[in-house]
Protein backbone atom coordinates (compact mmCIF):
# COMPACT_ATOMS: atom_id res chain seq x y z
CA MET A 1 20.60 0.36 3.49
CA HIS A 2 18.96 1.19 0.18
CA LYS A 3 18.31 4.93 -0.29
CA LYS A 4 14.54 4.47 -0.73
CA ALA A 5 14.34 2.25 2.35
CA ALA A 6 16.14 4.90 4.42
CA MET A 7 13.76 7.58 3.12
CA ILE A 8 10.70 5.48 4.00
CA GLU A 9 12.08 4.64 7.43
CA ASN A 10 12.01 8.33 8.38
CA GLU A 11 8.50 9.04 7.03
CA LYS A 12 5.15 8.63 8.72
CA CYS A 13 3.63 5.34 7.63
CA PRO A 14 -0.10 5.02 6.87
CA CYS A 15 -0.19 2.18 9.42
CA ASP A 16 1.02 4.36 12.31
CA ASP A 17 -2.42 5.59 13.39
CA CYS A 18 -4.59 3.01 11.62
CA ASP A 19 -7.21 0.90 13.39
CA TRP A 20 -6.38 -2.03 11.09
CA LYS A 21 -2.67 -2.08 11.97
CA TYR A 22 -2.61 -5.19 14.16
CA LYS A 23 -5.18 -7.12 12.13
CA CYS A 24 -3.15 -6.51 8.95
CA ASP A 25 0.01 -7.70 10.65
CA GLU A 26 -1.65 -10.80 12.05
CA HIS A 27 -3.50 -11.80 8.86
CA GLU A 28 -1.07 -10.54 6.17
CA LEU A 29 -3.31 -7.76 4.84
CA ALA A 30 -2.42 -4.45 3.18
CA CYS A 31 -4.34 -1.44 1.86
CA ARG A 32 -3.92 1.09 -0.94
CA ALA A 33 -2.43 3.71 1.35
CA PHE A 34 0.31 1.28 2.36
CA SER A 35 0.92 0.13 -1.23
CA TYR A 36 1.30 3.75 -2.39
CA PHE A 37 3.67 4.33 0.49
CA VAL A 38 5.76 1.31 -0.56
CA LEU A 39 5.95 2.53 -4.16
CA HIS A 40 6.47 6.25 -3.53
CA GLY A 41 7.63 6.69 0.07
CA THR A 42 4.62 8.85 0.89
CA PHE A 43 0.83 8.60 0.99
CA HIS A 44 -2.28 10.74 1.05
CA GLU A 45 -4.37 10.77 4.24
CA HIS A 46 -7.60 10.35 2.26
CA THR A 47 -6.42 7.14 0.53
CA ALA A 48 -8.65 4.14 1.15
CA ARG A 49 -7.65 1.82 3.96
CA ILE A 50 -9.52 -1.34 3.06
CA PRO A 51 -6.88 -4.04 3.46
CA THR A 52 -6.87 -7.26 1.44
CA GLY A 53 -4.70 -10.33 1.26
CA GLN A 54 -4.38 -9.87 -2.50
CA LEU A 55 -2.75 -6.47 -2.09
CA PHE A 56 -0.44 -7.82 0.62
CA HIS A 57 0.64 -10.55 -1.81
CA LYS A 58 1.32 -7.98 -4.56
CA ILE A 59 3.50 -5.92 -2.22
CA PHE A 60 5.50 -8.65 -0.50
CA LYS A 61 5.47 -11.64 -2.84
CA GLU A 62 5.73 -10.05 -6.29
CA ASP A 63 7.83 -7.32 -7.88
CA ASP A 64 7.07 -3.58 -8.07
CA LYS A 65 5.84 -3.88 -11.66
CA ALA A 66 3.06 -6.26 -10.60
CA LEU A 67 2.03 -3.87 -7.82
CA LYS A 68 2.06 -0.85 -10.17
CA ASN A 69 -0.07 -2.72 -12.72
CA TYR A 70 -2.54 -3.76 -10.02
CA MET A 71 -2.85 -0.22 -8.67
CA LYS A 72 -3.33 1.10 -12.22
CA SER A 73 -6.15 -1.40 -12.84
CA LEU A 74 -7.88 -0.33 -9.59
CA ARG A 75 -7.70 3.34 -10.64
CA MET A 76 -9.13 2.49 -14.07
CA LYS A 77 -12.04 0.57 -12.51
CA GLU A 78 -12.80 3.52 -10.24
CA GLU A 79 -12.74 5.98 -13.14
CA MET A 80 -15.09 3.78 -15.17
CA GLY A 81 -17.51 3.63 -12.25
CA LYS A 82 -17.81 7.43 -11.96
């Protein structure tokens, strides 16, 4: 097992106590909290949990670079909106 995968396996996942958990699984959705968890093996409780199919696709169908670029663009849009 890859070292990062083993680390993530032992951590609390943002999906563990989430109301969206089963809907995300059924409809292939993912949120920012989960994407951060995939990239870094941890997450912040306050991170938005608004799942989308686009984010699911970035996590599971593309490489980490695509996901990092997508997350960066979301942060930039948020900062511009403040």
